[in-house]
Amino acid sequence: MREEELSKVFDRFYRVDSARTRSGGASGSGLGLSLAKDIAEAVGARIELNSTEGRGTEASIILPTSVQNGPLS
């Protein structure tokens, strides 16, 4: 994935390549990473992406070691 695409992938409805579809013809709506980021931030976590163009993209969710006055306390 190109650097300019990485900066947009958490935007709602953004799809890197509209020509790409999953097997069976179903395509994504561009909401998955946006929702994942919102949920992660709600519990004090964050999402990081590492990408090498032409090789793939890795997503990591970094969870807090403790939550103080958060949604679970």
N, C-alpha and C. Protein backbone atom coordinates (compact mmCIF):
# COMPACT_ATOMS: atom_id res chain seq x y z
N MET A 1 0.85 -1.16 0.00
CA MET A 1 0.00 0.00 0.00
C MET A 1 0.91 1.24 0.00
N ARG A 2 0.53 2.21 -0.80
CA ARG A 2 1.33 3.44 -0.87
C ARG A 2 1.12 4.30 0.38
N GLU A 3 2.11 5.15 0.68
CA GLU A 3 2.07 6.00 1.88
C GLU A 3 0.82 6.88 1.91
N GLU A 4 0.44 7.46 0.78
CA GLU A 4 -0.74 8.33 0.76
C GLU A 4 -2.03 7.54 1.01
N GLU A 5 -2.04 6.26 0.70
CA GLU A 5 -3.20 5.42 1.00
C GLU A 5 -3.26 5.11 2.49
N LEU A 6 -2.12 4.87 3.12
CA LEU A 6 -2.08 4.56 4.55
C LEU A 6 -2.69 5.67 5.38
N SER A 7 -2.53 6.91 4.96
CA SER A 7 -3.06 8.03 5.72
C SER A 7 -4.58 8.12 5.62
N LYS A 8 -5.18 7.39 4.69
CA LYS A 8 -6.63 7.48 4.47
C LYS A 8 -7.42 6.23 4.88
N VAL A 9 -6.74 5.13 5.16
CA VAL A 9 -7.46 3.86 5.36
C VAL A 9 -8.39 3.84 6.57
N PHE A 10 -8.21 4.76 7.52
CA PHE A 10 -9.11 4.82 8.66
C PHE A 10 -10.29 5.75 8.43
N ASP A 11 -10.35 6.39 7.25
CA ASP A 11 -11.49 7.24 6.90
C ASP A 11 -12.68 6.36 6.52
N ARG A 12 -13.86 6.74 7.01
CA ARG A 12 -15.06 5.97 6.67
C ARG A 12 -15.28 5.94 5.16
N PHE A 13 -15.61 4.76 4.66
CA PHE A 13 -15.95 4.50 3.27
C PHE A 13 -14.76 4.57 2.31
N TYR A 14 -13.54 4.75 2.83
CA TYR A 14 -12.38 4.78 1.94
C TYR A 14 -11.99 3.35 1.57
N ARG A 15 -11.80 3.13 0.28
CA ARG A 15 -11.30 1.85 -0.21
C ARG A 15 -10.08 2.12 -1.06
N VAL A 16 -9.02 1.37 -0.82
CA VAL A 16 -7.76 1.61 -1.50
C VAL A 16 -7.91 1.45 -3.00
N ASP A 17 -8.55 0.39 -3.43
CA ASP A 17 -8.68 0.12 -4.86
C ASP A 17 -10.09 -0.37 -5.12
N SER A 18 -10.91 0.45 -5.73
CA SER A 18 -12.30 0.08 -5.97
C SER A 18 -12.44 -1.06 -6.96
N ALA A 19 -11.39 -1.38 -7.70
CA ALA A 19 -11.46 -2.48 -8.67
C ALA A 19 -11.29 -3.84 -8.00
N ARG A 20 -10.80 -3.86 -6.75
CA ARG A 20 -10.58 -5.13 -6.06
C ARG A 20 -11.87 -5.63 -5.45
N THR A 21 -12.13 -6.91 -5.59
CA THR A 21 -13.29 -7.53 -4.97
C THR A 21 -12.86 -8.85 -4.35
N ARG A 22 -13.65 -9.32 -3.40
CA ARG A 22 -13.40 -10.62 -2.80
C ARG A 22 -13.95 -11.70 -3.73
N SER A 23 -13.53 -12.93 -3.51
CA SER A 23 -14.06 -14.02 -4.31
C SER A 23 -15.57 -14.08 -4.15
N GLY A 24 -16.27 -14.32 -5.23
CA GLY A 24 -17.71 -14.34 -5.20
C GLY A 24 -18.32 -12.98 -5.56
N GLY A 25 -17.47 -11.98 -5.81
CA GLY A 25 -17.95 -10.70 -6.27
C GLY A 25 -18.31 -9.70 -5.19
N ALA A 26 -18.29 -10.09 -3.91
CA ALA A 26 -18.63 -9.16 -2.84
C ALA A 26 -17.47 -8.20 -2.60
N SER A 27 -17.79 -6.93 -2.44
CA SER A 27 -16.74 -5.96 -2.14
C SER A 27 -17.01 -5.32 -0.79
N GLY A 28 -15.97 -4.76 -0.18
CA GLY A 28 -16.13 -4.14 1.12
C GLY A 28 -16.76 -2.77 1.02
N SER A 29 -17.20 -2.27 2.17
CA SER A 29 -17.84 -0.96 2.20
C SER A 29 -16.87 0.14 2.61
N GLY A 30 -15.69 -0.24 3.08
CA GLY A 30 -14.73 0.76 3.53
C GLY A 30 -14.97 1.21 4.96
N LEU A 31 -15.67 0.41 5.75
CA LEU A 31 -15.96 0.78 7.13
C LEU A 31 -15.15 -0.01 8.16
N GLY A 32 -14.59 -1.13 7.78
CA GLY A 32 -13.95 -2.04 8.73
C GLY A 32 -12.87 -1.41 9.58
N LEU A 33 -11.86 -0.79 8.97
CA LEU A 33 -10.77 -0.20 9.74
C LEU A 33 -11.22 1.02 10.52
N SER A 34 -12.17 1.76 9.97
CA SER A 34 -12.71 2.92 10.69
C SER A 34 -13.40 2.48 11.98
N LEU A 35 -14.22 1.45 11.90
CA LEU A 35 -14.91 0.93 13.08
C LEU A 35 -13.92 0.33 14.07
N ALA A 36 -12.96 -0.42 13.56
CA ALA A 36 -11.95 -1.02 14.44
C ALA A 36 -11.18 0.05 15.20
N LYS A 37 -10.82 1.13 14.54
CA LYS A 37 -10.10 2.22 15.21
C LYS A 37 -10.97 2.88 16.27
N ASP A 38 -12.25 3.13 15.95
CA ASP A 38 -13.15 3.75 16.93
C ASP A 38 -13.31 2.87 18.17
N ILE A 39 -13.46 1.58 17.97
CA ILE A 39 -13.62 0.65 19.09
C ILE A 39 -12.33 0.58 19.92
N ALA A 40 -11.19 0.48 19.24
CA ALA A 40 -9.91 0.42 19.94
C ALA A 40 -9.71 1.67 20.79
N GLU A 41 -9.98 2.83 20.22
CA GLU A 41 -9.79 4.08 20.97
C GLU A 41 -10.75 4.19 22.15
N ALA A 42 -11.94 3.62 22.02
CA ALA A 42 -12.92 3.67 23.10
C ALA A 42 -12.44 2.92 24.34
N VAL A 43 -11.57 1.94 24.16
CA VAL A 43 -11.05 1.18 25.31
C VAL A 43 -9.60 1.52 25.60
N GLY A 44 -9.10 2.61 25.01
CA GLY A 44 -7.74 3.06 25.29
C GLY A 44 -6.66 2.36 24.50
N ALA A 45 -7.03 1.64 23.45
CA ALA A 45 -6.05 0.95 22.61
C ALA A 45 -5.78 1.79 21.36
N ARG A 46 -4.87 1.32 20.53
CA ARG A 46 -4.62 1.98 19.25
C ARG A 46 -4.29 0.93 18.20
N ILE A 47 -4.45 1.31 16.95
CA ILE A 47 -4.15 0.43 15.82
C ILE A 47 -2.99 1.03 15.05
N GLU A 48 -2.03 0.20 14.69
CA GLU A 48 -0.90 0.63 13.88
C GLU A 48 -0.85 -0.23 12.62
N LEU A 49 -0.48 0.39 11.51
CA LEU A 49 -0.34 -0.33 10.25
C LEU A 49 1.11 -0.26 9.79
N ASN A 50 1.62 -1.38 9.32
CA ASN A 50 2.93 -1.44 8.68
C ASN A 50 2.70 -2.03 7.30
N SER A 51 3.17 -1.34 6.27
CA SER A 51 2.90 -1.79 4.92
C SER A 51 4.14 -1.70 4.05
N THR A 52 4.31 -2.70 3.20
CA THR A 52 5.34 -2.69 2.18
C THR A 52 4.61 -2.85 0.85
N GLU A 53 4.70 -1.82 0.02
CA GLU A 53 3.97 -1.83 -1.25
C GLU A 53 4.32 -3.07 -2.06
N GLY A 54 3.29 -3.74 -2.52
CA GLY A 54 3.48 -4.95 -3.32
C GLY A 54 3.68 -6.22 -2.52
N ARG A 55 3.84 -6.11 -1.20
CA ARG A 55 4.08 -7.28 -0.37
C ARG A 55 2.98 -7.53 0.64
N GLY A 56 2.33 -6.46 1.13
CA GLY A 56 1.24 -6.65 2.08
C GLY A 56 1.23 -5.62 3.19
N THR A 57 0.17 -5.66 3.97
CA THR A 57 -0.02 -4.73 5.08
C THR A 57 -0.36 -5.51 6.33
N GLU A 58 0.24 -5.11 7.44
CA GLU A 58 0.01 -5.77 8.73
C GLU A 58 -0.63 -4.75 9.68
N ALA A 59 -1.70 -5.17 10.32
CA ALA A 59 -2.37 -4.32 11.31
C ALA A 59 -2.12 -4.90 12.69
N SER A 60 -1.80 -4.03 13.64
CA SER A 60 -1.59 -4.44 15.03
C SER A 60 -2.47 -3.60 15.93
N ILE A 61 -3.07 -4.25 16.92
CA ILE A 61 -3.84 -3.54 17.94
C ILE A 61 -3.01 -3.56 19.22
N ILE A 62 -2.71 -2.37 19.73
CA ILE A 62 -1.90 -2.26 20.94
C ILE A 62 -2.84 -1.93 22.09
N LEU A 63 -2.94 -2.87 23.03
CA LEU A 63 -3.85 -2.72 24.17
C LEU A 63 -3.12 -2.07 25.34
N PRO A 64 -3.85 -1.29 26.13
CA PRO A 64 -3.21 -0.67 27.29
C PRO A 64 -2.90 -1.73 28.35
N THR A 65 -1.87 -1.49 29.14
CA THR A 65 -1.53 -2.43 30.21
C THR A 65 -2.47 -2.26 31.39
N SER A 66 -3.06 -1.09 31.54
CA SER A 66 -4.06 -0.86 32.58
C SER A 66 -5.02 0.22 32.12
N VAL A 67 -6.22 0.18 32.67
CA VAL A 67 -7.23 1.16 32.32
C VAL A 67 -7.63 1.88 33.61
N GLN A 68 -7.49 3.19 33.61
CA GLN A 68 -7.87 3.98 34.77
C GLN A 68 -9.06 4.86 34.40
N ASN A 69 -10.15 4.70 35.12
CA ASN A 69 -11.36 5.45 34.86
C ASN A 69 -11.87 5.26 33.43
N GLY A 70 -11.62 4.09 32.86
CA GLY A 70 -12.06 3.80 31.51
C GLY A 70 -13.41 3.10 31.53
N PRO A 71 -13.84 2.61 30.39
CA PRO A 71 -15.17 2.01 30.30
C PRO A 71 -15.33 0.73 31.10
N LEU A 72 -14.23 0.07 31.47
CA LEU A 72 -14.33 -1.20 32.18
C LEU A 72 -14.06 -1.08 33.67
N SER A 73 -13.76 0.12 34.15
CA SER A 73 -13.43 0.26 35.57
C SER A 73 -14.64 0.68 36.39
